[in-house]
Amino acid sequence: MDTKIENMVIESTMLGINDRGLFDAWLMLSGDGSGVGFGGFCLDSPVKPNGKYSHREDLDGTVGEYVRAILDTVGVDTWEQLKGKYIRVESDGLGRPIKRIGNLMKDKWFDPVAFFAAREDGVE
């Protein structure tokens, strides 16, 4: 497949508990006649005292590091500032998931698959 990089604008965001009870984050993007979502990674872990799930929590700082990586890549200081910002998006084309997002002006990228792989390997 041919990798495609295009400019898109962040139309809206979601940071919180989704309809499955998982903590996640989304960027809803629009570009040249198309729209796509970036996100959907579970950012917390189940807590299972007494053998039953009671709640979920961020046991290892994943939420903060994930959010910080997105903010740093886009070039803003708060989640609320993301809306309306333009970014670069890398994918394998229409209908394929976004591989990574990038700063519009700088060679700065965020790849969530690499982010989680590095955390599993103990690299931060």
PDB file of N, CA and C in Angstrom:
ATOM      1  N   MET A   1       0.828  -1.195   0.000  1.00  0.00           N
ATOM      2  CA  MET A   1       0.000   0.000   0.000  1.00  0.00           C
ATOM      3  C   MET A   1       0.864   1.248   0.000  1.00  0.00           C
ATOM      4  N   ASP A   2       0.335   2.267  -0.591  1.00  0.00           N
ATOM      5  CA  ASP A   2       1.039   3.542  -0.622  1.00  0.00           C
ATOM      6  C   ASP A   2       0.683   4.360   0.609  1.00  0.00           C
ATOM      7  N   THR A   3       1.699   4.797   1.298  1.00  0.00           N
ATOM      8  CA  THR A   3       1.474   5.647   2.460  1.00  0.00           C
ATOM      9  C   THR A   3       1.077   7.032   1.967  1.00  0.00           C
ATOM     10  N   LYS A   4       0.065   7.578   2.615  1.00  0.00           N
ATOM     11  CA  LYS A   4      -0.454   8.888   2.228  1.00  0.00           C
ATOM     12  C   LYS A   4      -0.333   9.832   3.422  1.00  0.00           C
ATOM     13  N   ILE A   5       0.184  11.023   3.175  1.00  0.00           N
ATOM     14  CA  ILE A   5       0.236  12.058   4.203  1.00  0.00           C
ATOM     15  C   ILE A   5      -0.614  13.216   3.731  1.00  0.00           C
ATOM     16  N   GLU A   6      -1.537  13.645   4.570  1.00  0.00           N
ATOM     17  CA  GLU A   6      -2.397  14.775   4.208  1.00  0.00           C
ATOM     18  C   GLU A   6      -2.621  15.680   5.414  1.00  0.00           C
ATOM     19  N   ASN A   7      -3.001  16.893   5.143  1.00  0.00           N
ATOM     20  CA  ASN A   7      -3.308  17.861   6.191  1.00  0.00           C
ATOM     21  C   ASN A   7      -4.781  17.743   6.558  1.00  0.00           C
ATOM     22  N   MET A   8      -5.045  17.808   7.854  1.00  0.00           N
ATOM     23  CA  MET A   8      -6.423  17.753   8.346  1.00  0.00           C
ATOM     24  C   MET A   8      -6.558  18.717   9.514  1.00  0.00           C
ATOM     25  N   VAL A   9      -7.800  19.054   9.837  1.00  0.00           N
ATOM     26  CA  VAL A   9      -8.084  19.922  10.971  1.00  0.00           C
ATOM     27  C   VAL A   9      -8.785  19.100  12.051  1.00  0.00           C
ATOM     28  N   ILE A  10      -8.461  19.385  13.300  1.00  0.00           N
ATOM     29  CA  ILE A  10      -9.127  18.728  14.425  1.00  0.00           C
ATOM     30  C   ILE A  10     -10.460  19.440  14.642  1.00  0.00           C
ATOM     31  N   GLU A  11     -11.545  18.750  14.348  1.00  0.00           N
ATOM     32  CA  GLU A  11     -12.891  19.326  14.471  1.00  0.00           C
ATOM     33  C   GLU A  11     -13.418  19.241  15.899  1.00  0.00           C
ATOM     34  N   SER A  12     -13.108  18.132  16.569  1.00  0.00           N
ATOM     35  CA  SER A  12     -13.555  17.953  17.948  1.00  0.00           C
ATOM     36  C   SER A  12     -12.677  16.906  18.617  1.00  0.00           C
ATOM     37  N   THR A  13     -12.815  16.807  19.936  1.00  0.00           N
ATOM     38  CA  THR A  13     -12.041  15.849  20.709  1.00  0.00           C
ATOM     39  C   THR A  13     -12.933  15.177  21.734  1.00  0.00           C
ATOM     40  N   MET A  14     -12.470  14.038  22.224  1.00  0.00           N
ATOM     41  CA  MET A  14     -13.125  13.361  23.332  1.00  0.00           C
ATOM     42  C   MET A  14     -12.017  12.786  24.204  1.00  0.00           C
ATOM     43  N   LEU A  15     -12.083  13.066  25.473  1.00  0.00           N
ATOM     44  CA  LEU A  15     -11.145  12.512  26.444  1.00  0.00           C
ATOM     45  C   LEU A  15     -11.970  12.092  27.643  1.00  0.00           C
ATOM     46  N   GLY A  16     -12.079  10.785  27.871  1.00  0.00           N
ATOM     47  CA  GLY A  16     -12.881  10.330  28.994  1.00  0.00           C
ATOM     48  C   GLY A  16     -13.306   8.890  28.855  1.00  0.00           C
ATOM     49  N   ILE A  17     -14.386   8.539  29.538  1.00  0.00           N
ATOM     50  CA  ILE A  17     -14.897   7.174  29.574  1.00  0.00           C
ATOM     51  C   ILE A  17     -15.820   6.954  28.378  1.00  0.00           C
ATOM     52  N   ASN A  18     -15.518   5.929  27.586  1.00  0.00           N
ATOM     53  CA  ASN A  18     -16.366   5.658  26.428  1.00  0.00           C
ATOM     54  C   ASN A  18     -17.552   4.774  26.812  1.00  0.00           C
ATOM     55  N   ASP A  19     -18.360   4.402  25.816  1.00  0.00           N
ATOM     56  CA  ASP A  19     -19.575   3.634  26.102  1.00  0.00           C
ATOM     57  C   ASP A  19     -19.301   2.197  26.553  1.00  0.00           C
ATOM     58  N   ARG A  20     -18.055   1.739  26.483  1.00  0.00           N
ATOM     59  CA  ARG A  20     -17.683   0.411  26.980  1.00  0.00           C
ATOM     60  C   ARG A  20     -17.028   0.491  28.353  1.00  0.00           C
ATOM     61  N   GLY A  21     -16.983   1.693  28.925  1.00  0.00           N
ATOM     62  CA  GLY A  21     -16.414   1.863  30.251  1.00  0.00           C
ATOM     63  C   GLY A  21     -14.898   1.995  30.265  1.00  0.00           C
ATOM     64  N   LEU A  22     -14.290   2.191  29.117  1.00  0.00           N
ATOM     65  CA  LEU A  22     -12.839   2.328  29.011  1.00  0.00           C
ATOM     66  C   LEU A  22     -12.455   3.792  28.873  1.00  0.00           C
ATOM     67  N   PHE A  23     -11.328   4.169  29.459  1.00  0.00           N
ATOM     68  CA  PHE A  23     -10.829   5.532  29.330  1.00  0.00           C
ATOM     69  C   PHE A  23     -10.058   5.611  28.019  1.00  0.00           C
ATOM     70  N   ASP A  24     -10.480   6.515  27.134  1.00  0.00           N
ATOM     71  CA  ASP A  24      -9.772   6.682  25.877  1.00  0.00           C
ATOM     72  C   ASP A  24      -9.826   8.135  25.412  1.00  0.00           C
ATOM     73  N   ALA A  25      -9.190   8.379  24.292  1.00  0.00           N
ATOM     74  CA  ALA A  25      -9.105   9.724  23.738  1.00  0.00           C
ATOM     75  C   ALA A  25      -9.297   9.645  22.231  1.00  0.00           C
ATOM     76  N   TRP A  26     -10.008  10.612  21.684  1.00  0.00           N
ATOM     77  CA  TRP A  26     -10.243  10.679  20.240  1.00  0.00           C
ATOM     78  C   TRP A  26     -10.007  12.087  19.725  1.00  0.00           C
ATOM     79  N   LEU A  27      -9.487  12.168  18.515  1.00  0.00           N
ATOM     80  CA  LEU A  27      -9.455  13.403  17.742  1.00  0.00           C
ATOM     81  C   LEU A  27     -10.320  13.143  16.514  1.00  0.00           C
ATOM     82  N   MET A  28     -11.343  13.948  16.310  1.00  0.00           N
ATOM     83  CA  MET A  28     -12.178  13.822  15.119  1.00  0.00           C
ATOM     84  C   MET A  28     -11.654  14.828  14.102  1.00  0.00           C
ATOM     85  N   LEU A  29     -11.254  14.325  12.938  1.00  0.00           N
ATOM     86  CA  LEU A  29     -10.533  15.120  11.953  1.00  0.00           C
ATOM     87  C   LEU A  29     -11.317  15.243  10.660  1.00  0.00           C
ATOM     88  N   SER A  30     -11.107  16.347   9.953  1.00  0.00           N
ATOM     89  CA  SER A  30     -11.677  16.483   8.607  1.00  0.00           C
ATOM     90  C   SER A  30     -10.603  17.028   7.685  1.00  0.00           C
ATOM     91  N   GLY A  31     -10.710  16.609   6.446  1.00  0.00           N
ATOM     92  CA  GLY A  31      -9.739  17.033   5.445  1.00  0.00           C
ATOM     93  C   GLY A  31     -10.426  17.275   4.122  1.00  0.00           C
ATOM     94  N   ASP A  32      -9.755  16.984   3.072  1.00  0.00           N
ATOM     95  CA  ASP A  32     -10.226  17.236   1.718  1.00  0.00           C
ATOM     96  C   ASP A  32     -11.449  16.371   1.393  1.00  0.00           C
ATOM     97  N   GLY A  33     -12.587  16.767   1.919  1.00  0.00           N
ATOM     98  CA  GLY A  33     -13.829  16.056   1.647  1.00  0.00           C
ATOM     99  C   GLY A  33     -14.015  14.771   2.433  1.00  0.00           C
ATOM    100  N   SER A  34     -13.190  14.543   3.438  1.00  0.00           N
ATOM    101  CA  SER A  34     -13.335  13.321   4.221  1.00  0.00           C
ATOM    102  C   SER A  34     -13.192  13.618   5.709  1.00  0.00           C
ATOM    103  N   GLY A  35     -13.628  12.690   6.516  1.00  0.00           N
ATOM    104  CA  GLY A  35     -13.487  12.803   7.960  1.00  0.00           C
ATOM    105  C   GLY A  35     -13.052  11.472   8.529  1.00  0.00           C
ATOM    106  N   VAL A  36     -12.329  11.515   9.635  1.00  0.00           N
ATOM    107  CA  VAL A  36     -11.815  10.293  10.238  1.00  0.00           C
ATOM    108  C   VAL A  36     -11.535  10.548  11.707  1.00  0.00           C
ATOM    109  N   GLY A  37     -11.548   9.494  12.501  1.00  0.00           N
ATOM    110  CA  GLY A  37     -11.218   9.598  13.909  1.00  0.00           C
ATOM    111  C   GLY A  37      -9.845   9.006  14.177  1.00  0.00           C
ATOM    112  N   PHE A  38      -9.127   9.611  15.105  1.00  0.00           N
ATOM    113  CA  PHE A  38      -7.827   9.109  15.542  1.00  0.00           C
ATOM    114  C   PHE A  38      -7.915   8.838  17.026  1.00  0.00           C
ATOM    115  N   GLY A  39      -7.700   7.605  17.428  1.00  0.00           N
ATOM    116  CA  GLY A  39      -7.759   7.267  18.845  1.00  0.00           C
ATOM    117  C   GLY A  39      -8.354   5.901  19.057  1.00  0.00           C
ATOM    118  N   GLY A  40      -9.001   5.751  20.209  1.00  0.00           N
ATOM    119  CA  GLY A  40      -9.660   4.503  20.538  1.00  0.00           C
ATOM    120  C   GLY A  40      -8.796   3.496  21.271  1.00  0.00           C
ATOM    121  N   PHE A  41      -7.644   3.931  21.771  1.00  0.00           N
ATOM    122  CA  PHE A  41      -6.773   3.045  22.537  1.00  0.00           C
ATOM    123  C   PHE A  41      -7.175   3.099  24.006  1.00  0.00           C
ATOM    124  N   CYS A  42      -7.287   1.934  24.632  1.00  0.00           N
ATOM    125  CA  CYS A  42      -7.602   1.881  26.056  1.00  0.00           C
ATOM    126  C   CYS A  42      -6.413   2.431  26.839  1.00  0.00           C
ATOM    127  N   LEU A  43      -6.649   3.450  27.650  1.00  0.00           N
ATOM    128  CA  LEU A  43      -5.583   4.131  28.368  1.00  0.00           C
ATOM    129  C   LEU A  43      -5.530   3.800  29.852  1.00  0.00           C
ATOM    130  N   ASP A  44      -6.391   2.891  30.299  1.00  0.00           N
ATOM    131  CA  ASP A  44      -6.369   2.514  31.712  1.00  0.00           C
ATOM    132  C   ASP A  44      -6.346   0.990  31.856  1.00  0.00           C
ATOM    133  N   SER A  45      -6.320   0.516  33.074  1.00  0.00           N
ATOM    134  CA  SER A  45      -6.233  -0.917  33.350  1.00  0.00           C
ATOM    135  C   SER A  45      -7.317  -1.322  34.334  1.00  0.00           C
ATOM    136  N   PRO A  46      -7.849  -2.549  34.201  1.00  0.00           N
ATOM    137  CA  PRO A  46      -8.871  -2.990  35.158  1.00  0.00           C
ATOM    138  C   PRO A  46      -8.260  -3.260  36.528  1.00  0.00           C
ATOM    139  N   VAL A  47      -9.019  -2.933  37.546  1.00  0.00           N
ATOM    140  CA  VAL A  47      -8.633  -3.239  38.925  1.00  0.00           C
ATOM    141  C   VAL A  47      -9.560  -4.357  39.384  1.00  0.00           C
ATOM    142  N   LYS A  48      -8.987  -5.422  39.913  1.00  0.00           N
ATOM    143  CA  LYS A  48      -9.763  -6.620  40.209  1.00  0.00           C
ATOM    144  C   LYS A  48      -9.573  -7.084  41.662  1.00  0.00           C
ATOM    145  N   PRO A  49      -9.985  -6.267  42.644  1.00  0.00           N
ATOM    146  CA  PRO A  49      -9.877  -6.744  44.031  1.00  0.00           C
ATOM    147  C   PRO A  49     -10.913  -7.846  44.282  1.00  0.00           C
ATOM    148  N   ASN A  50     -10.552  -8.824  45.070  1.00  0.00           N
ATOM    149  CA  ASN A  50     -11.452  -9.934  45.423  1.00  0.00           C
ATOM    150  C   ASN A  50     -11.972 -10.696  44.207  1.00  0.00           C
ATOM    151  N   GLY A  51     -11.203 -10.677  43.099  1.00  0.00           N
ATOM    152  CA  GLY A  51     -11.582 -11.440  41.922  1.00  0.00           C
ATOM    153  C   GLY A  51     -12.637 -10.816  41.036  1.00  0.00           C
ATOM    154  N   LYS A  52     -13.145  -9.626  41.398  1.00  0.00           N
ATOM    155  CA  LYS A  52     -14.169  -8.963  40.577  1.00  0.00           C
ATOM    156  C   LYS A  52     -13.669  -7.587  40.165  1.00  0.00           C
ATOM    157  N   TYR A  53     -13.998  -7.192  38.935  1.00  0.00           N
ATOM    158  CA  TYR A  53     -13.628  -5.860  38.471  1.00  0.00           C
ATOM    159  C   TYR A  53     -14.410  -4.820  39.255  1.00  0.00           C
ATOM    160  N   SER A  54     -13.717  -3.884  39.875  1.00  0.00           N
ATOM    161  CA  SER A  54     -14.419  -2.849  40.634  1.00  0.00           C
ATOM    162  C   SER A  54     -14.336  -1.504  39.923  1.00  0.00           C
ATOM    163  N   HIS A  55     -13.214  -1.234  39.318  1.00  0.00           N
ATOM    164  CA  HIS A  55     -13.053   0.013  38.585  1.00  0.00           C
ATOM    165  C   HIS A  55     -11.795  -0.098  37.732  1.00  0.00           C
ATOM    166  N   ARG A  56     -11.472   0.947  37.027  1.00  0.00           N
ATOM    167  CA  ARG A  56     -10.276   0.980  36.196  1.00  0.00           C
ATOM    168  C   ARG A  56      -9.445   2.167  36.643  1.00  0.00           C
ATOM    169  N   GLU A  57      -8.139   2.038  36.533  1.00  0.00           N
ATOM    170  CA  GLU A  57      -7.290   3.168  36.883  1.00  0.00           C
ATOM    171  C   GLU A  57      -6.025   3.165  36.041  1.00  0.00           C
ATOM    172  N   ASP A  58      -5.418   4.320  35.972  1.00  0.00           N
ATOM    173  CA  ASP A  58      -4.175   4.511  35.239  1.00  0.00           C
ATOM    174  C   ASP A  58      -3.032   4.113  36.162  1.00  0.00           C
ATOM    175  N   LEU A  59      -2.615   2.865  36.079  1.00  0.00           N
ATOM    176  CA  LEU A  59      -1.632   2.339  37.010  1.00  0.00           C
ATOM    177  C   LEU A  59      -0.201   2.776  36.731  1.00  0.00           C
ATOM    178  N   ASP A  60       0.087   3.121  35.497  1.00  0.00           N
ATOM    179  CA  ASP A  60       1.477   3.390  35.140  1.00  0.00           C
ATOM    180  C   ASP A  60       1.702   4.730  34.443  1.00  0.00           C
ATOM    181  N   GLY A  61       0.752   5.633  34.521  1.00  0.00           N
ATOM    182  CA  GLY A  61       0.928   6.951  33.917  1.00  0.00           C
ATOM    183  C   GLY A  61       0.622   7.013  32.434  1.00  0.00           C
ATOM    184  N   THR A  62       0.001   5.970  31.891  1.00  0.00           N
ATOM    185  CA  THR A  62      -0.269   5.925  30.454  1.00  0.00           C
ATOM    186  C   THR A  62      -1.108   7.111  29.987  1.00  0.00           C
ATOM    187  N   VAL A  63      -2.162   7.444  30.709  1.00  0.00           N
ATOM    188  CA  VAL A  63      -3.050   8.525  30.284  1.00  0.00           C
ATOM    189  C   VAL A  63      -2.274   9.831  30.121  1.00  0.00           C
ATOM    190  N   GLY A  64      -1.539  10.207  31.146  1.00  0.00           N
ATOM    191  CA  GLY A  64      -0.800  11.465  31.087  1.00  0.00           C
ATOM    192  C   GLY A  64       0.240  11.491  29.985  1.00  0.00           C
ATOM    193  N   GLU A  65       0.976  10.393  29.829  1.00  0.00           N
ATOM    194  CA  GLU A  65       2.011  10.344  28.792  1.00  0.00           C
ATOM    195  C   GLU A  65       1.401  10.374  27.393  1.00  0.00           C
ATOM    196  N   TYR A  66       0.291   9.678  27.192  1.00  0.00           N
ATOM    197  CA  TYR A  66      -0.396   9.653  25.903  1.00  0.00           C
ATOM    198  C   TYR A  66      -0.914  11.051  25.552  1.00  0.00           C
ATOM    199  N   VAL A  67      -1.600  11.663  26.501  1.00  0.00           N
ATOM    200  CA  VAL A  67      -2.145  13.008  26.273  1.00  0.00           C
ATOM    201  C   VAL A  67      -1.009  14.003  26.031  1.00  0.00           C
ATOM    202  N   ARG A  68       0.026  13.938  26.837  1.00  0.00           N
ATOM    203  CA  ARG A  68       1.175  14.845  26.673  1.00  0.00           C
ATOM    204  C   ARG A  68       1.818  14.673  25.298  1.00  0.00           C
ATOM    205  N   ALA A  69       1.927  13.447  24.813  1.00  0.00           N
ATOM    206  CA  ALA A  69       2.524  13.203  23.498  1.00  0.00           C
ATOM    207  C   ALA A  69       1.697  13.837  22.389  1.00  0.00           C
ATOM    208  N   ILE A  70       0.377  13.754  22.490  1.00  0.00           N
ATOM    209  CA  ILE A  70      -0.490  14.390  21.491  1.00  0.00           C
ATOM    210  C   ILE A  70      -0.349  15.901  21.562  1.00  0.00           C
ATOM    211  N   LEU A  71      -0.422  16.467  22.771  1.00  0.00           N
ATOM    212  CA  LEU A  71      -0.295  17.921  22.923  1.00  0.00           C
ATOM    213  C   LEU A  71       1.041  18.413  22.378  1.00  0.00           C
ATOM    214  N   ASP A  72       2.112  17.710  22.703  1.00  0.00           N
ATOM    215  CA  ASP A  72       3.443  18.097  22.254  1.00  0.00           C
ATOM    216  C   ASP A  72       3.554  18.024  20.733  1.00  0.00           C
ATOM    217  N   THR A  73       3.001  16.985  20.139  1.00  0.00           N
ATOM    218  CA  THR A  73       3.050  16.833  18.688  1.00  0.00           C
ATOM    219  C   THR A  73       2.300  17.949  17.986  1.00  0.00           C
ATOM    220  N   VAL A  74       1.114  18.258  18.465  1.00  0.00           N
ATOM    221  CA  VAL A  74       0.299  19.303  17.830  1.00  0.00           C
ATOM    222  C   VAL A  74       0.865  20.692  18.128  1.00  0.00           C
ATOM    223  N   GLY A  75       1.485  20.848  19.300  1.00  0.00           N
ATOM    224  CA  GLY A  75       2.076  22.132  19.661  1.00  0.00           C
ATOM    225  C   GLY A  75       1.169  23.016  20.494  1.00  0.00           C
ATOM    226  N   VAL A  76       0.397  22.380  21.386  1.00  0.00           N
ATOM    227  CA  VAL A  76      -0.487  23.124  22.281  1.00  0.00           C
ATOM    228  C   VAL A  76      -0.205  22.701  23.721  1.00  0.00           C
ATOM    229  N   ASP A  77      -0.751  23.465  24.663  1.00  0.00           N
ATOM    230  CA  ASP A  77      -0.526  23.195  26.085  1.00  0.00           C
ATOM    231  C   ASP A  77      -1.690  22.504  26.786  1.00  0.00           C
ATOM    232  N   THR A  78      -2.895  22.599  26.223  1.00  0.00           N
ATOM    233  CA  THR A  78      -4.057  21.989  26.857  1.00  0.00           C
ATOM    234  C   THR A  78      -4.884  21.214  25.839  1.00  0.00           C
ATOM    235  N   TRP A  79      -5.634  20.233  26.335  1.00  0.00           N
ATOM    236  CA  TRP A  79      -6.510  19.434  25.481  1.00  0.00           C
ATOM    237  C   TRP A  79      -7.532  20.327  24.786  1.00  0.00           C
ATOM    238  N   GLU A  80      -8.007  21.334  25.484  1.00  0.00           N
ATOM    239  CA  GLU A  80      -9.024  22.231  24.920  1.00  0.00           C
ATOM    240  C   GLU A  80      -8.503  23.023  23.732  1.00  0.00           C
ATOM    241  N   GLN A  81      -7.205  23.236  23.649  1.00  0.00           N
ATOM    242  CA  GLN A  81      -6.620  23.988  22.531  1.00  0.00           C
ATOM    243  C   GLN A  81      -6.500  23.168  21.245  1.00  0.00           C
ATOM    244  N   LEU A  82      -6.736  21.878  21.298  1.00  0.00           N
ATOM    245  CA  LEU A  82      -6.590  21.027  20.107  1.00  0.00           C
ATOM    246  C   LEU A  82      -7.599  21.363  19.013  1.00  0.00           C
ATOM    247  N   LYS A  83      -8.844  21.648  19.415  1.00  0.00           N
ATOM    248  CA  LYS A  83      -9.893  21.922  18.432  1.00  0.00           C
ATOM    249  C   LYS A  83      -9.488  23.094  17.540  1.00  0.00           C
ATOM    250  N   GLY A  84      -9.598  22.870  16.233  1.00  0.00           N
ATOM    251  CA  GLY A  84      -9.292  23.905  15.255  1.00  0.00           C
ATOM    252  C   GLY A  84      -7.850  23.891  14.755  1.00  0.00           C
ATOM    253  N   LYS A  85      -7.001  23.077  15.359  1.00  0.00           N
ATOM    254  CA  LYS A  85      -5.596  23.011  14.942  1.00  0.00           C
ATOM    255  C   LYS A  85      -5.447  22.096  13.724  1.00  0.00           C
ATOM    256  N   TYR A  86      -4.554  22.472  12.833  1.00  0.00           N
ATOM    257  CA  TYR A  86      -4.239  21.665  11.664  1.00  0.00           C
ATOM    258  C   TYR A  86      -3.064  20.754  11.974  1.00  0.00           C
ATOM    259  N   ILE A  87      -3.152  19.521  11.493  1.00  0.00           N
ATOM    260  CA  ILE A  87      -2.093  18.536  11.690  1.00  0.00           C
ATOM    261  C   ILE A  87      -1.870  17.772  10.386  1.00  0.00           C
ATOM    262  N   ARG A  88      -0.781  17.002  10.349  1.00  0.00           N
ATOM    263  CA  ARG A  88      -0.560  16.059   9.259  1.00  0.00           C
ATOM    264  C   ARG A  88      -1.003  14.685   9.744  1.00  0.00           C
ATOM    265  N   VAL A  89      -1.491  13.892   8.821  1.00  0.00           N
ATOM    266  CA  VAL A  89      -1.988  12.562   9.124  1.00  0.00           C
ATOM    267  C   VAL A  89      -1.354  11.585   8.137  1.00  0.00           C
ATOM    268  N   GLU A  90      -0.810  10.499   8.668  1.00  0.00           N
ATOM    269  CA  GLU A  90      -0.246   9.452   7.805  1.00  0.00           C
ATOM    270  C   GLU A  90      -1.127   8.218   7.876  1.00  0.00           C
ATOM    271  N   SER A  91      -1.515   7.710   6.713  1.00  0.00           N
ATOM    272  CA  SER A  91      -2.338   6.503   6.640  1.00  0.00           C
ATOM    273  C   SER A  91      -2.000   5.756   5.356  1.00  0.00           C
ATOM    274  N   ASP A  92      -2.659   4.616   5.189  1.00  0.00           N
ATOM    275  CA  ASP A  92      -2.524   3.858   3.948  1.00  0.00           C
ATOM    276  C   ASP A  92      -3.650   4.199   2.980  1.00  0.00           C
ATOM    277  N   GLY A  93      -4.340   5.301   3.209  1.00  0.00           N
ATOM    278  CA  GLY A  93      -5.386   5.758   2.299  1.00  0.00           C
ATOM    279  C   GLY A  93      -6.782   5.652   2.887  1.00  0.00           C
ATOM    280  N   LEU A  94      -7.738   6.056   2.098  1.00  0.00           N
ATOM    281  CA  LEU A  94      -9.140   6.127   2.493  1.00  0.00           C
ATOM    282  C   LEU A  94      -9.623   4.786   3.062  1.00  0.00           C
ATOM    283  N   GLY A  95     -10.263   4.849   4.199  1.00  0.00           N
ATOM    284  CA  GLY A  95     -10.808   3.670   4.846  1.00  0.00           C
ATOM    285  C   GLY A  95      -9.822   2.902   5.705  1.00  0.00           C
ATOM    286  N   ARG A  96      -8.586   3.334   5.743  1.00  0.00           N
ATOM    287  CA  ARG A  96      -7.553   2.677   6.536  1.00  0.00           C
ATOM    288  C   ARG A  96      -7.295   3.488   7.801  1.00  0.00           C
ATOM    289  N   PRO A  97      -6.889   2.837   8.898  1.00  0.00           N
ATOM    290  CA  PRO A  97      -6.611   3.579  10.132  1.00  0.00           C
ATOM    291  C   PRO A  97      -5.445   4.558   9.969  1.00  0.00           C
ATOM    292  N   ILE A  98      -5.484   5.605  10.755  1.00  0.00           N
ATOM    293  CA  ILE A  98      -4.375   6.562  10.790  1.00  0.00           C
ATOM    294  C   ILE A  98      -3.214   5.900  11.511  1.00  0.00           C
ATOM    295  N   LYS A  99      -2.036   5.921  10.895  1.00  0.00           N
ATOM    296  CA  LYS A  99      -0.846   5.341  11.519  1.00  0.00           C
ATOM    297  C   LYS A  99      -0.265   6.291  12.552  1.00  0.00           C
ATOM    298  N   ARG A 100      -0.185   7.569  12.203  1.00  0.00           N
ATOM    299  CA  ARG A 100       0.393   8.551  13.115  1.00  0.00           C
ATOM    300  C   ARG A 100      -0.064   9.942  12.712  1.00  0.00           C
ATOM    301  N   ILE A 101       0.043  10.862  13.689  1.00  0.00           N
ATOM    302  CA  ILE A 101      -0.275  12.266  13.435  1.00  0.00           C
ATOM    303  C   ILE A 101       1.012  13.069  13.571  1.00  0.00           C
ATOM    304  N   GLY A 102       1.060  14.205  12.874  1.00  0.00           N
ATOM    305  CA  GLY A 102       2.265  15.020  12.920  1.00  0.00           C
ATOM    306  C   GLY A 102       1.961  16.497  13.001  1.00  0.00           C
ATOM    307  N   ASN A 103       2.934  17.235  13.486  1.00  0.00           N
ATOM    308  CA  ASN A 103       2.859  18.688  13.545  1.00  0.00           C
ATOM    309  C   ASN A 103       2.838  19.223  12.116  1.00  0.00           C
ATOM    310  N   LEU A 104       2.045  20.233  11.882  1.00  0.00           N
ATOM    311  CA  LEU A 104       1.896  20.780  10.536  1.00  0.00           C
ATOM    312  C   LEU A 104       3.185  21.419  10.028  1.00  0.00           C
ATOM    313  N   MET A 105       3.961  22.046  10.896  1.00  0.00           N
ATOM    314  CA  MET A 105       5.138  22.797  10.466  1.00  0.00           C
ATOM    315  C   MET A 105       6.472  22.138  10.821  1.00  0.00           C
ATOM    316  N   LYS A 106       6.487  21.268  11.815  1.00  0.00           N
ATOM    317  CA  LYS A 106       7.732  20.654  12.285  1.00  0.00           C
ATOM    318  C   LYS A 106       7.732  19.164  11.953  1.00  0.00           C
ATOM    319  N   ASP A 107       8.911  18.593  11.891  1.00  0.00           N
ATOM    320  CA  ASP A 107       9.027  17.154  11.662  1.00  0.00           C
ATOM    321  C   ASP A 107       8.889  16.439  13.005  1.00  0.00           C
ATOM    322  N   LYS A 108       7.680  16.503  13.564  1.00  0.00           N
ATOM    323  CA  LYS A 108       7.375  15.911  14.869  1.00  0.00           C
ATOM    324  C   LYS A 108       6.122  15.055  14.693  1.00  0.00           C
ATOM    325  N   TRP A 109       6.241  13.777  15.047  1.00  0.00           N
ATOM    326  CA  TRP A 109       5.162  12.823  14.832  1.00  0.00           C
ATOM    327  C   TRP A 109       4.834  12.056  16.110  1.00  0.00           C
ATOM    328  N   PHE A 110       3.579  11.586  16.190  1.00  0.00           N
ATOM    329  CA  PHE A 110       3.155  10.707  17.271  1.00  0.00           C
ATOM    330  C   PHE A 110       2.543   9.455  16.655  1.00  0.00           C
ATOM    331  N   ASP A 111       3.121   8.305  16.979  1.00  0.00           N
ATOM    332  CA  ASP A 111       2.674   7.001  16.504  1.00  0.00           C
ATOM    333  C   ASP A 111       2.193   6.218  17.724  1.00  0.00           C
ATOM    334  N   PRO A 112       0.881   6.020  17.885  1.00  0.00           N
ATOM    335  CA  PRO A 112       0.389   5.356  19.094  1.00  0.00           C
ATOM    336  C   PRO A 112       0.822   3.894  19.214  1.00  0.00           C
ATOM    337  N   VAL A 113       0.977   3.182  18.109  1.00  0.00           N
ATOM    338  CA  VAL A 113       1.418   1.793  18.181  1.00  0.00           C
ATOM    339  C   VAL A 113       2.847   1.734  18.727  1.00  0.00           C
ATOM    340  N   ALA A 114       3.711   2.615  18.234  1.00  0.00           N
ATOM    341  CA  ALA A 114       5.092   2.681  18.739  1.00  0.00           C
ATOM    342  C   ALA A 114       5.110   3.128  20.202  1.00  0.00           C
ATOM    343  N   PHE A 115       4.210   4.042  20.575  1.00  0.00           N
ATOM    344  CA  PHE A 115       4.100   4.517  21.957  1.00  0.00           C
ATOM    345  C   PHE A 115       3.832   3.354  22.905  1.00  0.00           C
ATOM    346  N   PHE A 116       2.829   2.523  22.582  1.00  0.00           N
ATOM    347  CA  PHE A 116       2.487   1.410  23.463  1.00  0.00           C
ATOM    348  C   PHE A 116       3.544   0.314  23.425  1.00  0.00           C
ATOM    349  N   ALA A 117       4.161   0.089  22.283  1.00  0.00           N
ATOM    350  CA  ALA A 117       5.241  -0.903  22.193  1.00  0.00           C
ATOM    351  C   ALA A 117       6.425  -0.493  23.077  1.00  0.00           C
ATOM    352  N   ALA A 118       6.766   0.783  23.073  1.00  0.00           N
ATOM    353  CA  ALA A 118       7.870   1.272  23.901  1.00  0.00           C
ATOM    354  C   ALA A 118       7.552   1.117  25.387  1.00  0.00           C
ATOM    355  N   ARG A 119       6.294   1.331  25.769  1.00  0.00           N
ATOM    356  CA  ARG A 119       5.904   1.190  27.177  1.00  0.00           C
ATOM    357  C   ARG A 119       5.993  -0.283  27.601  1.00  0.00           C
ATOM    358  N   GLU A 120       5.634  -1.195  26.726  1.00  0.00           N
ATOM    359  CA  GLU A 120       5.737  -2.624  27.038  1.00  0.00           C
ATOM    360  C   GLU A 120       7.188  -3.060  27.177  1.00  0.00           C
ATOM    361  N   ASP A 121       8.063  -2.435  26.396  1.00  0.00           N
ATOM    362  CA  ASP A 121       9.485  -2.767  26.436  1.00  0.00           C
ATOM    363  C   ASP A 121      10.226  -2.054  27.560  1.00  0.00           C
ATOM    364  N   GLY A 122       9.511  -1.194  28.298  1.00  0.00           N
ATOM    365  CA  GLY A 122      10.133  -0.450  29.392  1.00  0.00           C
ATOM    366  C   GLY A 122      10.887   0.767  28.938  1.00  0.00           C
ATOM    367  N   VAL A 123      10.664   1.208  27.702  1.00  0.00           N
ATOM    368  CA  VAL A 123      11.318   2.408  27.166  1.00  0.00           C
ATOM    369  C   VAL A 123      10.312   3.529  27.206  1.00  0.00           C
ATOM    370  N   GLU A 124      10.718   4.685  27.724  1.00  0.00           N
ATOM    371  CA  GLU A 124       9.785   5.820  27.783  1.00  0.00           C
ATOM    372  C   GLU A 124      10.401   7.029  27.164  1.00  0.00           C
TER     373      GLU A 124
END
